[in-house]
Amino acid sequence: MNAIEIRGLSKSFGPKQAVCGLDMTVPMGAIYGFIGENGSGKSTTQKMICGLIPTSGGSIKLSGKDHTDPDVRADIGVLIEAPGCFPNLTVWDNMMLQAANLRLSNAEEAVVKVLKTVRMEGAAGNKYKNCSLGMKQRVGIAMALLGEPTLLILDEPLNGLDADGMRIMREVFTDIIKDGKRSILVSSHLLGELQKVATHYGIIRHGKMICQMTADELDANCRTYVALQTEDMNRSKMLLGCKYSRVEEDEAGYIRVYDLTTPEEIVTYLYDNGICVTEIQTDKIGLEEYYIDLMKGGR
């Protein structure tokens, strides 16, 4: 059974179609990275999954049931945009209010558990307004975790975080799904960070799903390349461009050769043409470059 199964989903706002025949499958126990440029339909799709806005067509099933089923709706934790907290109340009081909204019988125990999960147990007495952005994001995730939902919908939870905040958030995501009973649908523009935790990906453009894959499939699809610097970069690029089908210069000033070749072959070829290689390495493109290449129609 899949955590989310969407078929032919569409949403129109007047004459504008925000989502167009979208298909999506999120397996149980997955961290599903939902990727797309601004205006691609990510947030609209997430809001329809949560029941915050109605669909215009298609179907959404959560754990095999229609997403409008009251029992299913009660089993979703949501953080879209920002947590709904009172700034002058403490983290603990905000959490207890949310527990009361959910009518949890073991409120204090539940709040302690989720604050520990998101590494916020030591900041429970802080006023919400005095929390850093990363702490506020973790409070929002803690609220979403109250009631032990099996599905979390998180919209851009990594935005604005520093390196330490991102590290903590990655640990939180991994802890949430470690028992295999919970799934996370997370959208983010920080693709390098997303790649460190996601098990599955969906790439949306103009309201349509253009690619879904597992982390292993992404790794297999990301091309290996040889990156090098020489004593004569312009001539090297010209010579390599004549021999290999794809040669380009990256932002760091390295020449990249994407064909199936070895560093030794390139060094020998350039040496035979009177050019000395000063630095060379083999690497592989990441999610961000794969995504950019996909958007340009490179795959």
Protein backbone atom coordinates (compact mmCIF):
# COMPACT_ATOMS: atom_id res chain seq x y z
CA MET A 1 0.00 0.00 0.00
CA ASN A 2 1.23 3.48 -0.90
CA ALA A 3 1.10 6.46 1.43
CA ILE A 4 -0.11 8.69 -1.42
CA GLU A 5 -1.54 7.67 -4.77
CA ILE A 6 -2.68 10.45 -7.10
CA ARG A 7 -4.15 9.92 -10.55
CA GLY A 8 -5.14 12.61 -13.06
CA LEU A 9 -5.23 15.39 -10.46
CA SER A 10 -6.18 18.84 -11.74
CA LYS A 11 -6.90 22.23 -10.25
CA SER A 12 -8.08 25.40 -11.95
CA PHE A 13 -8.35 28.90 -10.56
CA GLY A 14 -10.68 30.57 -13.03
CA PRO A 15 -9.04 30.35 -16.47
CA LYS A 16 -5.66 29.37 -15.01
CA GLN A 17 -4.91 25.67 -14.65
CA ALA A 18 -2.42 25.25 -11.79
CA VAL A 19 -2.29 21.44 -11.83
CA CYS A 20 -2.87 19.43 -15.01
CA GLY A 21 -3.49 15.67 -14.92
CA LEU A 22 -0.90 15.01 -12.22
CA ASP A 23 0.07 11.46 -11.27
CA MET A 24 2.10 10.81 -8.12
CA THR A 25 3.02 7.76 -6.03
CA VAL A 26 4.60 8.08 -2.58
CA PRO A 27 5.51 4.69 -1.07
CA MET A 28 4.95 3.99 2.60
CA GLY A 29 8.04 4.86 4.66
CA ALA A 30 9.46 7.22 2.03
CA ILE A 31 10.90 10.71 2.23
CA TYR A 32 9.54 12.03 -1.05
CA GLY A 33 11.26 15.14 -2.37
CA PHE A 34 8.73 17.20 -4.32
CA ILE A 35 10.64 19.47 -6.69
CA GLY A 36 9.67 22.24 -9.07
CA GLU A 37 10.19 25.90 -9.85
CA ASN A 38 8.01 28.62 -8.33
CA GLY A 39 4.49 28.44 -9.73
CA SER A 40 4.85 24.83 -10.85
CA GLY A 41 1.95 23.62 -8.68
CA LYS A 42 3.76 22.09 -5.69
CA SER A 43 1.97 24.02 -2.94
CA THR A 44 -1.39 23.69 -4.71
CA THR A 45 -0.92 19.92 -4.90
CA GLN A 46 0.03 19.71 -1.23
CA LYS A 47 -2.99 21.76 -0.20
CA MET A 48 -5.30 19.49 -2.19
CA ILE A 49 -3.76 16.40 -0.55
CA CYS A 50 -4.44 17.96 2.86
CA GLY A 51 -7.99 18.93 1.90
CA LEU A 52 -7.27 22.65 2.34
CA ILE A 53 -8.55 23.37 -1.18
CA PRO A 54 -10.90 21.26 -3.35
CA THR A 55 -9.74 19.44 -6.45
CA SER A 56 -11.06 20.19 -9.95
CA GLY A 57 -10.60 16.62 -11.12
CA GLY A 58 -8.76 13.36 -10.57
CA SER A 59 -8.34 11.27 -7.42
CA ILE A 60 -6.19 11.33 -4.28
CA LYS A 61 -5.84 8.23 -2.15
CA LEU A 62 -4.00 8.18 1.17
CA SER A 63 -3.17 4.73 2.55
CA GLY A 64 -5.64 3.29 0.05
CA LYS A 65 -8.57 5.52 1.06
CA ASP A 66 -10.03 8.68 -0.44
CA HIS A 67 -8.33 11.78 0.96
CA THR A 68 -11.69 13.19 2.10
CA ASP A 69 -12.28 10.28 4.47
CA PRO A 70 -12.40 11.74 8.04
CA ASP A 71 -10.17 8.98 9.45
CA VAL A 72 -7.60 9.61 6.73
CA ARG A 73 -7.71 13.37 7.29
CA ALA A 74 -7.03 12.82 10.98
CA ASP A 75 -3.90 10.85 10.10
CA ILE A 76 -2.09 13.73 8.31
CA GLY A 77 0.37 16.17 9.87
CA VAL A 78 0.82 19.43 7.96
CA LEU A 79 3.29 22.30 7.90
CA ILE A 80 2.54 24.65 5.02
CA GLU A 81 4.07 28.13 4.99
CA ALA A 82 4.50 28.83 8.76
CA PRO A 83 3.40 27.27 12.07
CA GLY A 84 0.24 28.80 13.55
CA CYS A 85 1.72 29.82 16.91
CA PHE A 86 1.04 32.62 19.37
CA PRO A 87 4.26 34.68 19.56
CA ASN A 88 4.00 35.63 23.23
CA LEU A 89 3.33 32.11 24.45
CA THR A 90 6.08 29.61 25.18
CA VAL A 91 6.83 26.69 22.89
CA TRP A 92 5.31 24.39 25.53
CA ASP A 93 2.07 26.39 25.79
CA ASN A 94 1.68 26.53 22.02
CA MET A 95 2.18 22.78 21.83
CA MET A 96 -0.33 22.15 24.63
CA LEU A 97 -2.91 24.31 22.82
CA GLN A 98 -2.43 22.23 19.68
CA ALA A 99 -2.76 19.04 21.74
CA ALA A 100 -6.03 20.41 23.15
CA ASN A 101 -7.25 21.17 19.59
CA LEU A 102 -6.56 17.54 18.71
CA ARG A 103 -8.24 16.37 21.93
CA LEU A 104 -5.29 14.24 22.93
CA SER A 105 -5.90 12.39 26.17
CA ASN A 106 -2.18 12.13 26.98
CA ALA A 107 -1.29 15.70 26.00
CA GLU A 108 1.76 16.27 28.19
CA GLU A 109 3.30 12.91 27.33
CA ALA A 110 2.67 13.50 23.61
CA VAL A 111 4.19 16.99 23.68
CA VAL A 112 7.31 15.79 25.50
CA LYS A 113 7.74 13.01 22.93
CA VAL A 114 7.47 15.19 19.81
CA LEU A 115 9.65 17.96 21.26
CA LYS A 116 12.32 15.36 21.90
CA THR A 117 11.95 14.06 18.34
CA VAL A 118 12.63 17.52 16.88
CA ARG A 119 15.45 18.31 19.36
CA MET A 120 13.45 21.07 21.10
CA GLU A 121 13.00 19.60 24.58
CA GLY A 122 15.51 22.08 25.99
CA ALA A 123 13.70 25.09 24.54
CA ALA A 124 10.15 24.31 25.69
CA GLY A 125 10.14 27.33 28.02
CA ASN A 126 11.24 29.80 25.33
CA LYS A 127 8.70 32.26 24.02
CA TYR A 128 7.91 31.42 20.42
CA LYS A 129 8.78 34.93 19.22
CA ASN A 130 12.30 34.54 20.63
CA CYS A 131 12.99 31.31 18.76
CA SER A 132 15.30 31.28 15.75
CA LEU A 133 13.88 30.46 12.32
CA GLY A 134 15.21 26.91 12.53
CA MET A 135 13.64 26.43 15.96
CA LYS A 136 10.30 27.76 14.69
CA GLN A 137 10.40 25.31 11.80
CA ARG A 138 11.03 22.46 14.23
CA VAL A 139 8.15 23.62 16.43
CA GLY A 140 5.94 23.46 13.33
CA ILE A 141 7.07 19.93 12.59
CA ALA A 142 6.50 18.97 16.24
CA MET A 143 2.93 20.28 15.97
CA ALA A 144 2.45 18.27 12.78
CA LEU A 145 3.67 15.16 14.62
CA LEU A 146 1.14 15.45 17.46
CA GLY A 147 -1.37 12.65 17.30
CA GLU A 148 1.22 10.38 15.61
CA PRO A 149 0.10 10.84 11.98
CA THR A 150 1.46 8.41 9.42
CA LEU A 151 1.84 11.08 6.72
CA LEU A 152 3.61 14.44 7.02
CA ILE A 153 3.15 17.18 4.40
CA LEU A 154 5.95 19.76 4.70
CA ASP A 155 6.20 22.81 2.42
CA GLU A 156 9.71 24.32 2.24
CA PRO A 157 10.75 23.43 5.82
CA LEU A 158 14.45 24.02 5.01
CA ASN A 159 14.15 27.63 3.85
CA GLY A 160 16.29 30.11 5.72
CA LEU A 161 18.10 27.55 7.86
CA ASP A 162 21.81 27.72 8.58
CA ALA A 163 24.09 24.70 8.14
CA ASP A 164 23.49 23.43 11.68
CA GLY A 165 19.73 23.88 11.35
CA MET A 166 19.73 21.87 8.12
CA ARG A 167 21.77 19.11 9.74
CA ILE A 168 19.29 18.88 12.62
CA MET A 169 16.35 18.86 10.21
CA ARG A 170 17.90 16.00 8.24
CA GLU A 171 18.32 14.02 11.45
CA VAL A 172 14.69 14.74 12.37
CA PHE A 173 13.41 13.49 8.99
CA THR A 174 15.46 10.30 9.27
CA ASP A 175 14.20 9.64 12.81
CA ILE A 176 10.57 10.18 11.79
CA ILE A 177 10.58 7.44 9.14
CA LYS A 178 12.99 4.97 10.73
CA ASP A 179 10.20 2.58 11.81
CA GLY A 180 8.87 2.42 8.24
CA LYS A 181 5.36 3.39 9.36
CA ARG A 182 5.51 7.10 8.46
CA SER A 183 6.03 8.91 5.19
CA ILE A 184 7.08 12.49 4.44
CA LEU A 185 6.18 14.57 1.41
CA VAL A 186 8.58 17.51 1.49
CA SER A 187 8.98 20.30 -1.05
CA SER A 188 12.20 22.29 -1.20
CA HIS A 189 14.31 24.42 -3.51
CA LEU A 190 17.47 23.39 -1.62
CA LEU A 191 18.13 20.35 -3.77
CA GLY A 192 21.59 19.62 -2.39
CA GLU A 193 20.14 19.28 1.10
CA LEU A 194 17.12 17.33 -0.11
CA GLN A 195 19.37 14.81 -1.84
CA LYS A 196 20.97 13.94 1.52
CA VAL A 197 17.71 12.55 2.95
CA ALA A 198 15.17 11.83 0.20
CA THR A 199 14.44 8.24 -0.79
CA HIS A 200 12.17 9.19 -3.70
CA TYR A 201 11.67 12.22 -5.95
CA GLY A 202 8.94 13.78 -8.04
CA ILE A 203 9.68 16.66 -10.41
CA ILE A 204 6.76 18.85 -11.42
CA ARG A 205 6.62 21.50 -14.16
CA HIS A 206 3.69 23.64 -15.24
CA GLY A 207 1.38 21.51 -13.10
CA LYS A 208 2.47 18.19 -14.66
CA MET A 209 4.64 15.44 -13.23
CA ILE A 210 7.54 15.03 -15.61
CA CYS A 211 9.65 12.56 -13.65
CA GLN A 212 9.42 10.25 -10.63
CA MET A 213 12.35 8.16 -9.40
CA THR A 214 13.99 6.56 -6.41
CA ALA A 215 17.28 7.79 -4.94
CA ASP A 216 19.01 4.77 -6.51
CA GLU A 217 17.53 5.60 -9.93
CA LEU A 218 18.71 9.20 -9.57
CA ASP A 219 22.20 7.95 -8.75
CA ALA A 220 22.16 5.72 -11.83
CA ASN A 221 20.92 8.56 -14.06
CA CYS A 222 23.41 11.16 -12.83
CA ARG A 223 26.24 11.11 -15.34
CA THR A 224 29.87 10.79 -14.36
CA TYR A 225 32.28 13.33 -15.79
CA VAL A 226 35.99 14.13 -15.80
CA ALA A 227 36.84 17.64 -14.59
CA LEU A 228 40.24 19.14 -15.37
CA GLN A 229 42.38 22.24 -15.54
CA THR A 230 45.35 22.73 -17.85
CA GLU A 231 48.05 25.23 -18.71
CA ASP A 232 46.05 26.31 -21.79
CA MET A 233 42.33 26.12 -21.02
CA ASN A 234 41.05 27.64 -24.27
CA ARG A 235 43.04 25.31 -26.52
CA SER A 236 42.25 22.32 -24.29
CA LYS A 237 38.52 22.99 -24.52
CA MET A 238 38.76 23.28 -28.31
CA LEU A 239 40.73 20.03 -28.68
CA LEU A 240 38.50 18.09 -26.29
CA GLY A 241 35.41 19.48 -28.05
CA CYS A 242 36.64 17.97 -31.30
CA LYS A 243 37.10 14.53 -29.73
CA TYR A 244 34.18 14.23 -27.29
CA SER A 245 30.48 14.92 -27.79
CA ARG A 246 29.90 17.05 -24.69
CA VAL A 247 32.53 19.36 -23.26
CA GLU A 248 31.73 22.44 -21.19
CA GLU A 249 33.27 24.77 -18.62
CA ASP A 250 31.66 24.89 -15.18
CA GLU A 251 31.30 27.82 -12.77
CA ALA A 252 34.47 26.85 -10.91
CA GLY A 253 36.53 27.14 -14.09
CA TYR A 254 36.99 23.42 -14.75
CA ILE A 255 36.54 21.79 -18.14
CA ARG A 256 34.07 18.91 -17.91
CA VAL A 257 34.07 15.96 -20.29
CA TYR A 258 30.86 13.90 -20.00
CA ASP A 259 31.59 11.05 -22.39
CA LEU A 260 32.50 7.61 -21.06
CA THR A 261 36.22 8.16 -20.79
CA THR A 262 39.04 7.92 -18.26
CA PRO A 263 41.29 10.64 -16.83
CA GLU A 264 44.28 8.74 -18.22
CA GLU A 265 42.87 8.89 -21.76
CA ILE A 266 42.33 12.65 -21.52
CA VAL A 267 45.78 13.31 -20.02
CA THR A 268 47.43 11.28 -22.78
CA TYR A 269 45.41 12.97 -25.53
CA LEU A 270 46.25 16.49 -24.32
CA TYR A 271 49.91 15.61 -23.68
CA ASP A 272 50.22 14.31 -27.25
CA ASN A 273 48.93 17.72 -28.35
CA GLY A 274 51.48 19.59 -26.27
CA ILE A 275 49.26 20.52 -23.30
CA CYS A 276 50.03 19.68 -19.67
CA VAL A 277 47.13 18.85 -17.33
CA THR A 278 47.57 20.54 -13.92
CA GLU A 279 44.53 19.06 -12.14
CA ILE A 280 42.07 16.30 -12.96
CA GLN A 281 39.34 14.37 -11.14
CA THR A 282 36.28 12.21 -11.76
CA ASP A 283 32.95 13.30 -10.30
CA LYS A 284 29.19 12.88 -10.75
CA ILE A 285 26.43 15.45 -11.15
CA GLY A 286 24.03 15.85 -8.22
CA LEU A 287 20.28 16.36 -7.96
CA GLU A 288 20.53 20.11 -8.59
CA GLU A 289 22.43 19.72 -11.85
CA TYR A 290 20.22 16.82 -12.90
CA TYR A 291 17.16 18.98 -12.29
CA ILE A 292 18.56 21.96 -14.20
CA ASP A 293 19.53 19.68 -17.08
CA LEU A 294 16.02 18.19 -17.08
CA MET A 295 14.42 21.65 -17.16
CA LYS A 296 16.58 22.54 -20.17
CA GLY A 297 15.47 19.38 -21.96
CA GLY A 298 18.87 17.76 -21.60
CA ARG A 299 17.49 14.33 -20.75
